[in-house]
Protein backbone atom coordinates (compact mmCIF):
# COMPACT_ATOMS: atom_id res chain seq x y z
CA MET A 1 165.31 120.90 42.78
CA LYS A 2 168.07 117.66 41.76
CA ARG A 3 167.06 115.37 39.27
CA ALA A 4 165.05 111.91 40.89
CA LEU A 5 165.42 109.52 38.75
CA GLY A 6 163.75 105.72 39.72
CA ASN A 7 162.98 106.72 43.85
CA TRP A 8 160.56 108.34 45.28
CA VAL A 9 160.79 112.30 46.32
CA VAL A 10 159.14 114.20 49.41
CA GLY A 11 160.01 117.49 50.71
CA ASP A 12 161.19 119.88 48.72
CA ARG A 13 162.00 117.39 46.08
CA PHE A 14 157.82 116.93 46.02
CA TRP A 15 157.42 118.85 42.97
CA ASP A 16 153.94 120.58 42.18
CA ARG A 17 151.00 118.19 43.95
CA GLU A 18 150.04 120.72 45.94
CA GLN A 19 146.19 120.07 45.78
CA GLU A 20 145.94 116.75 44.94
CA LEU A 21 148.23 115.86 48.40
CA LYS A 22 146.11 118.79 50.49
CA LEU A 23 142.86 116.63 48.85
CA PHE A 24 144.96 113.15 49.28
CA MET A 25 145.17 114.19 53.59
CA GLU A 26 141.91 115.79 53.76
CA TYR A 27 140.34 112.10 53.03
CA LEU A 28 142.07 110.59 55.11
CA GLU A 29 141.95 113.00 57.93
CA ALA A 30 138.18 112.51 57.33
CA GLY A 31 138.53 109.16 58.10
CA ALA A 32 138.02 107.44 54.61
CA ASN A 33 139.93 104.43 53.17
CA VAL A 34 141.59 105.23 49.80
CA LEU A 35 142.31 103.58 46.38
CA LEU A 36 144.51 105.51 45.16
CA ILE A 37 144.56 105.23 41.08
CA ALA A 38 147.49 105.98 38.86
CA PRO A 39 149.76 104.55 36.32
CA ARG A 40 153.50 103.23 37.10
CA ARG A 41 155.99 105.95 37.38
CA ILE A 42 153.13 108.59 38.08
CA GLY A 43 153.93 109.51 41.47
CA LYS A 44 151.47 107.52 44.03
CA THR A 45 154.54 106.18 46.21
CA SER A 46 155.92 109.90 46.23
CA LEU A 47 152.29 111.47 47.07
CA MET A 48 151.82 108.89 50.16
CA ARG A 49 155.39 109.13 51.39
CA GLU A 50 154.80 113.17 51.34
CA ALA A 51 151.62 112.75 53.45
CA ALA A 52 153.06 110.28 55.32
CA ARG A 53 155.84 113.00 56.30
CA GLN A 54 153.57 116.09 56.67
CA LEU A 55 150.72 113.88 58.94
CA GLU A 56 153.64 112.21 61.18
CA GLY A 57 152.86 113.64 64.99
CA ARG A 58 149.12 113.41 64.09
CA TYR A 59 149.01 109.66 62.93
CA ILE A 60 150.90 106.86 62.86
CA CYS A 61 151.91 106.13 58.66
CA LEU A 62 152.78 102.05 57.97
CA GLN A 63 154.39 102.08 54.65
CA VAL A 64 153.85 98.45 53.31
CA ASP A 65 154.94 96.34 49.84
CA LEU A 66 153.26 94.04 49.11
CA GLN A 67 155.61 93.16 45.94
CA LYS A 68 157.04 89.94 46.94
CA ALA A 69 154.18 88.60 48.79
CA HIS A 70 152.44 85.18 47.97
CA SER A 71 149.86 84.83 50.39
CA PRO A 72 147.79 86.75 52.83
CA ALA A 73 150.02 85.36 55.36
CA ASP A 74 152.99 87.66 53.53
CA ALA A 75 150.78 90.62 53.57
CA ILE A 76 150.69 89.97 57.21
CA VAL A 77 154.05 89.47 58.22
CA GLU A 78 154.91 92.86 55.77
CA LEU A 79 152.15 94.92 57.33
CA SER A 80 153.70 93.68 60.86
CA ILE A 81 156.96 94.37 60.62
CA ALA A 82 156.17 97.91 59.41
CA THR A 83 155.10 98.89 63.01
CA ARG A 84 158.89 97.98 63.72
CA PRO A 85 160.27 101.62 64.31
CA TYR A 86 156.65 102.18 67.33
CA LEU A 87 157.79 100.27 70.27
CA SER A 88 154.24 100.21 71.60
CA LEU A 89 153.23 98.39 68.20
CA TRP A 90 155.96 96.17 67.52
CA GLY A 91 155.82 95.08 71.08
CA LYS A 92 152.39 94.03 70.71
CA THR A 93 152.53 92.50 66.83
CA THR A 94 155.32 90.47 67.77
CA ALA A 95 152.96 88.68 71.08
CA LEU A 96 150.82 87.78 68.00
CA PHE A 97 153.76 85.18 66.36
CA GLY A 98 154.04 83.49 70.13
CA GLU A 99 156.55 81.23 69.71
CA ALA A 100 158.10 82.29 66.16
CA PHE A 101 159.10 85.34 67.65
CA ASN A 102 160.16 84.19 71.10
CA ARG A 103 163.22 81.72 69.29
CA VAL A 104 164.66 84.54 67.94
CA ALA A 105 163.91 88.04 70.15
CA ALA A 106 167.46 87.37 71.73
CA LYS A 107 168.95 88.26 68.35
CA ILE A 108 166.19 90.40 67.10
CA GLU A 109 168.17 93.37 66.65
CA SER A 110 170.76 91.97 64.07
CA LEU A 111 168.53 89.72 62.20
CA LYS A 112 167.96 90.85 58.31
CA LEU A 113 164.41 91.85 57.14
CA ASP A 114 164.57 88.19 55.45
CA GLU A 115 165.18 86.53 58.82
CA LEU A 116 162.83 88.37 60.46
CA THR A 117 160.12 87.61 57.62
CA LEU A 118 160.70 84.10 57.49
CA THR A 119 160.56 84.13 61.27
CA LEU A 120 157.13 85.14 61.67
CA ARG A 121 155.64 84.04 58.52
CA SER A 122 156.68 80.36 60.28
CA GLY A 123 154.34 81.75 62.75
CA ILE A 124 151.07 81.68 60.73
CA THR A 125 150.75 78.16 60.29
CA GLY A 126 147.05 76.86 57.98
CA GLY A 127 144.70 78.36 57.42
CA ASP A 128 144.75 81.22 60.90
CA TRP A 129 146.06 83.96 58.75
CA GLN A 130 143.04 85.89 59.16
CA ALA A 131 142.10 85.61 62.88
CA ARG A 132 145.98 86.33 63.05
CA GLY A 133 145.40 89.53 61.60
CA ASP A 134 141.97 90.89 62.74
CA ARG A 135 144.42 90.34 66.22
CA LEU A 136 146.65 92.91 64.58
CA PHE A 137 144.10 95.75 63.19
CA GLU A 138 143.35 95.59 66.53
CA VAL A 139 146.26 96.26 67.73
CA LEU A 140 146.52 99.15 65.54
CA ALA A 141 142.81 100.43 66.75
CA GLU A 142 144.56 100.44 69.95
CA SER A 143 147.03 102.73 69.23
CA GLU A 144 146.97 105.80 71.26
CA LYS A 145 147.32 107.82 68.02
CA PRO A 146 144.39 106.82 64.49
CA VAL A 147 146.86 104.96 61.89
CA ILE A 148 147.32 105.41 58.17
CA VAL A 149 148.35 101.71 56.48
CA PHE A 150 150.07 102.58 52.91
CA LEU A 151 149.49 99.44 51.20
CA ASP A 152 151.55 99.34 48.01
CA GLU A 153 151.28 96.56 45.68
CA VAL A 154 148.24 95.60 46.39
CA PRO A 155 146.56 94.55 43.02
CA ILE A 156 150.26 91.89 42.79
CA LEU A 157 149.18 90.50 45.16
CA VAL A 158 145.83 89.76 44.06
CA ASN A 159 146.62 88.96 40.30
CA ARG A 160 149.05 86.16 42.27
CA LEU A 161 146.20 84.98 44.56
CA LEU A 162 143.18 85.32 41.89
CA GLN A 163 145.36 83.34 38.47
CA GLY A 164 148.53 81.01 40.16
CA SER A 165 150.79 80.25 38.02
CA ASP A 166 149.03 78.86 35.37
CA TYR A 167 147.04 81.89 34.51
CA ARG A 168 143.84 80.73 35.28
CA VAL A 169 141.17 81.11 37.16
CA THR A 170 139.61 78.13 39.31
CA THR A 171 136.33 78.40 41.58
CA GLU A 172 139.26 77.68 44.62
CA SER A 173 141.33 80.84 43.55
CA ARG A 174 138.32 82.67 43.29
CA GLN A 175 137.25 81.80 46.54
CA ALA A 176 141.06 82.59 47.96
CA THR A 177 141.08 85.62 46.54
CA ASP A 178 137.74 86.88 47.65
CA ALA A 179 138.44 85.29 51.28
CA PHE A 180 141.76 88.74 51.74
CA MET A 181 139.57 91.45 49.59
CA SER A 182 136.66 90.59 51.85
CA TRP A 183 138.83 90.39 54.92
CA LEU A 184 140.34 93.75 53.99
CA ARG A 185 137.09 95.34 53.79
CA GLU A 186 135.53 94.30 56.94
CA ASN A 187 138.82 95.56 58.55
CA THR A 188 137.70 98.96 57.00
CA ILE A 189 134.16 99.03 58.71
CA ARG A 190 135.08 97.42 62.09
CA HIS A 191 138.35 100.06 62.83
CA GLN A 192 136.95 103.08 60.97
CA GLY A 193 137.91 106.17 62.23
CA LYS A 194 140.96 104.17 64.00
CA VAL A 195 142.69 102.46 61.09
CA ARG A 196 143.03 104.23 57.49
CA ILE A 197 144.29 101.88 54.77
CA VAL A 198 145.50 103.43 50.99
CA VAL A 199 145.51 100.40 48.62
CA THR A 200 147.47 101.18 44.87
CA GLY A 201 150.00 99.32 42.80
CA SER A 202 151.42 99.72 39.87
CA ILE A 203 148.76 97.90 38.12
CA GLY A 204 145.27 97.86 38.52
CA LEU A 205 143.32 96.57 41.24
CA GLU A 206 139.29 97.49 39.89
CA PRO A 207 140.67 95.26 36.73
CA ILE A 208 141.51 92.62 38.19
CA LEU A 209 138.38 92.31 40.69
CA ARG A 210 136.10 93.38 37.92
CA PHE A 211 137.80 90.10 35.62
CA ALA A 212 136.98 87.63 38.67
CA GLY A 213 133.31 89.86 39.51
CA LEU A 214 134.67 90.94 42.74
CA ASN A 215 134.50 94.55 42.57
CA ALA A 216 132.29 94.83 45.97
CA THR A 217 135.14 93.62 47.84
CA LEU A 218 136.44 98.04 47.01
CA ASN A 219 132.88 99.17 47.72
CA THR A 220 134.67 100.87 51.21
CA PHE A 221 137.08 102.48 49.79
CA THR A 222 137.16 105.81 47.96
CA PRO A 223 138.62 106.10 44.46
CA PHE A 224 141.73 109.14 44.24
CA SER A 225 142.54 109.65 40.87
CA LEU A 226 146.26 110.51 40.50
CA GLY A 227 147.21 112.02 36.90
CA ALA A 228 150.18 112.72 34.61
CA TRP A 229 151.54 116.73 35.01
CA SER A 230 150.11 119.29 33.30
CA PRO A 231 152.72 120.42 29.96
CA GLU A 232 152.60 123.59 31.90
CA ILE A 233 154.03 122.32 34.70
CA ALA A 234 156.53 120.46 33.02
CA VAL A 235 158.25 122.87 31.39
CA ASN A 236 158.41 124.98 34.69
CA LEU A 237 160.33 121.57 36.63
CA LEU A 238 162.09 121.49 33.48
CA LEU A 239 163.81 125.51 33.86
CA GLU A 240 163.84 125.08 37.06
CA LEU A 241 166.37 121.76 36.51
CA GLY A 242 168.13 123.39 33.93
CA ARG A 243 169.04 126.54 36.18
CA GLU A 244 170.01 124.80 38.98
CA TYR A 245 172.06 121.91 36.63
CA GLY A 246 173.21 124.99 34.57
CA LEU A 247 171.79 124.62 31.58
CA ALA A 248 170.95 127.65 29.23
CA LEU A 249 167.62 125.97 28.41
CA ASP A 250 164.79 128.25 26.99
CA ALA A 251 160.93 127.98 27.29
CA ASP A 252 160.84 126.92 23.56
CA SER A 253 163.46 124.49 24.33
CA ALA A 254 161.57 123.05 27.35
CA THR A 255 158.05 123.18 25.18
CA ARG A 256 159.57 121.20 22.74
CA MET A 257 160.57 118.32 25.11
CA VAL A 258 157.06 118.27 26.68
CA ASP A 259 155.71 118.32 23.37
CA GLN A 260 157.97 115.84 21.90
CA LEU A 261 156.84 113.21 25.32
CA GLY A 262 152.96 113.99 24.38
CA TYR A 263 151.97 112.27 28.28
CA CYS A 264 153.88 113.36 31.02
CA ILE A 265 154.97 110.96 33.42
CA PRO A 266 156.92 112.37 36.24
CA HIS A 267 159.18 109.67 36.23
CA HIS A 268 159.28 110.32 31.89
CA VAL A 269 160.08 113.93 32.56
CA GLN A 270 163.16 113.44 34.70
CA VAL A 271 164.79 111.02 32.19
CA TYR A 272 163.96 112.96 29.08
CA PHE A 273 166.14 116.07 31.05
CA ASP A 274 168.94 113.84 32.74
CA ASN A 275 169.88 112.66 29.02
CA VAL A 276 170.43 116.51 27.93
CA TYR A 277 171.75 117.21 30.80
CA ARG A 278 174.33 114.18 30.74
CA THR A 279 174.68 115.19 26.92
CA CYS A 280 175.69 118.29 27.57
CA LYS A 281 178.20 117.31 29.56
CA LEU A 282 180.09 115.01 27.67
CA LYS A 283 180.30 117.26 24.87
CA GLY A 284 180.86 120.22 27.20
CA ILE A 285 178.39 122.21 26.28
CA GLN A 286 175.71 124.66 28.34
CA GLN A 287 173.34 125.53 25.68
CA VAL A 288 170.11 123.54 24.99
CA SER A 289 168.60 124.60 21.77
CA ARG A 290 165.25 122.94 20.63
CA ALA A 291 167.81 121.18 17.47
CA PHE A 292 169.78 120.03 20.26
CA VAL A 293 166.98 118.48 22.27
CA ASP A 294 165.28 116.98 18.91
CA GLN A 295 169.06 114.52 18.79
CA VAL A 296 168.62 114.06 22.19
CA TYR A 297 164.82 112.91 22.03
CA GLU A 298 166.13 110.72 18.37
CA ASN A 299 169.22 109.67 19.97
CA GLN A 300 168.36 108.26 23.36
CA MET A 301 164.93 108.33 24.17
CA LEU A 302 164.09 106.52 20.96
CA SER A 303 166.74 104.33 21.48
CA ILE A 304 167.43 100.98 22.58
CA GLN A 305 168.02 102.39 26.29
CA GLY A 306 165.04 104.84 26.42
CA HIS A 307 162.90 101.60 25.36
CA ALA A 308 164.77 99.85 28.17
CA GLN A 309 162.67 102.60 30.38
CA LEU A 310 159.38 101.00 29.41
CA SER A 311 160.24 97.14 29.54
CA HIS A 312 158.90 97.28 33.46
CA LEU A 313 155.61 97.94 32.39
CA GLU A 314 155.69 95.45 29.29
CA GLU A 315 156.31 92.88 32.33
CA ARG A 316 153.66 94.11 34.31
CA LEU A 317 151.02 93.74 31.28
CA LYS A 318 152.85 90.13 31.33
CA MET A 319 152.54 89.50 34.96
CA VAL A 320 148.58 90.27 34.37
CA LEU A 321 147.76 88.49 30.74
CA GLY A 322 150.24 85.50 31.16
CA PRO A 323 152.26 84.26 28.38
CA GLU A 324 149.04 82.96 26.44
CA LEU A 325 147.40 86.85 26.00
CA HIS A 326 150.60 89.01 26.23
CA PRO A 327 151.37 88.81 22.43
CA PHE A 328 147.85 89.83 21.45
CA ALA A 329 147.85 92.36 23.87
CA LEU A 330 150.21 93.93 22.79
CA GLU A 331 149.31 94.27 18.92
CA LEU A 332 146.41 95.85 19.87
CA LEU A 333 148.17 98.19 21.78
CA THR A 334 150.44 98.57 19.13
CA GLU A 335 147.36 99.25 16.93
CA VAL A 336 145.96 102.18 18.68
CA ALA A 337 150.07 103.97 18.77
CA THR A 338 150.70 103.83 15.33
CA VAL A 339 147.35 104.22 14.06
CA GLY A 340 145.90 105.98 16.49
CA VAL A 341 142.44 104.34 16.81
CA LEU A 342 141.51 100.84 17.39
CA THR A 343 138.20 99.68 15.77
CA PRO A 344 135.94 97.26 16.62
CA GLU A 345 136.53 95.81 12.88
CA THR A 346 140.66 95.37 13.33
CA ALA A 347 140.63 94.04 16.96
CA GLU A 348 138.59 91.34 15.35
CA ILE A 349 140.81 90.79 12.58
CA ILE A 350 144.02 90.50 15.02
CA SER A 351 141.57 88.70 17.74
CA SER A 352 141.51 86.03 15.18
CA SER A 353 144.81 84.99 14.15
CA TYR A 354 145.03 83.95 17.65
CA SER A 355 144.05 81.11 19.29
CA ILE A 356 142.95 81.42 22.45
CA LYS A 357 141.53 78.79 24.73
CA GLY A 358 138.17 79.38 26.43
CA ASP A 359 136.65 82.86 26.77
CA ARG A 360 139.82 84.83 27.57
CA THR A 361 140.53 86.82 24.65
CA GLY A 362 136.78 89.02 25.44
CA ARG A 363 137.03 88.84 29.39
CA SER A 364 140.42 89.87 29.26
CA CYS A 365 139.91 92.49 26.34
CA ALA A 366 137.25 94.09 28.83
CA ARG A 367 140.28 94.55 31.03
CA PHE A 368 142.37 97.21 28.54
């Protein structure tokens, strides 16, 4: 077992999750389209990658990251590029882009990914993204093997479509969001049994669509929740890592680490161990006592460096709520974190100190 910080893991480094993985693959093999629901850093990407690794050979598994996508056309280009490792699919896919692809066909192997993305993007003009996307799904459906499309960071794209740069939902932005999600839904129906789609992301998709009244576009997707590790699983991982890296970490100290974390997000467990390991190395010691892990927790996990691990969560919150509602949301979350509960009376007091235009306060509170 090796330390894993920031990256997805597969194979022997994929710790526990056997039951979740088995059930997840059962859904896919039964032909289901899946909405994978989990907090950030919980292991969604690792679950998808490990499922793809085990299913490869019987299925064509396409990994698509939409974090940089700003439009449905961008999503179609990213999906198209994901077919590149499969020559039979890639040849048919590039034919959909006509002259745009022909211009670079001779130097395709030397093109960087960004250059290829821009080239294919130029081949989608006006409002023809939907027709071109339909043809792309037809190509996937005609493959000799069933196809699984793992669509990561769909909520980020949907949020951009819905709110734009000014964080305001308009009739036009809602229609654009509806068009994209309805197009995705229609293709799950049209190619059922031939193409499966897994949708996920580091922010919740359901709350965004519910906010816009578009939750019905998800009714062909089966929800699949992925939770944190149990305390027992987290303790076992810490003990295994301790053995692997030559630390005298006993069950009492490992349990103390888990108790301090409270909620065992896999990445946070790994970060805590890495802090313990690095401190041991710097001090030239191997013995990890309960007092020692308390010291590491206070001096490093609760330090500015430790808080940096959570900054990405705050960025995602601001991405969804915008600069107007973001401070209001932080106050609500701070109240819950410090007091343990948010009463309606306290929420009303906090709300009264903010001047938020329109009904965004009430509607956005429903998203928490």
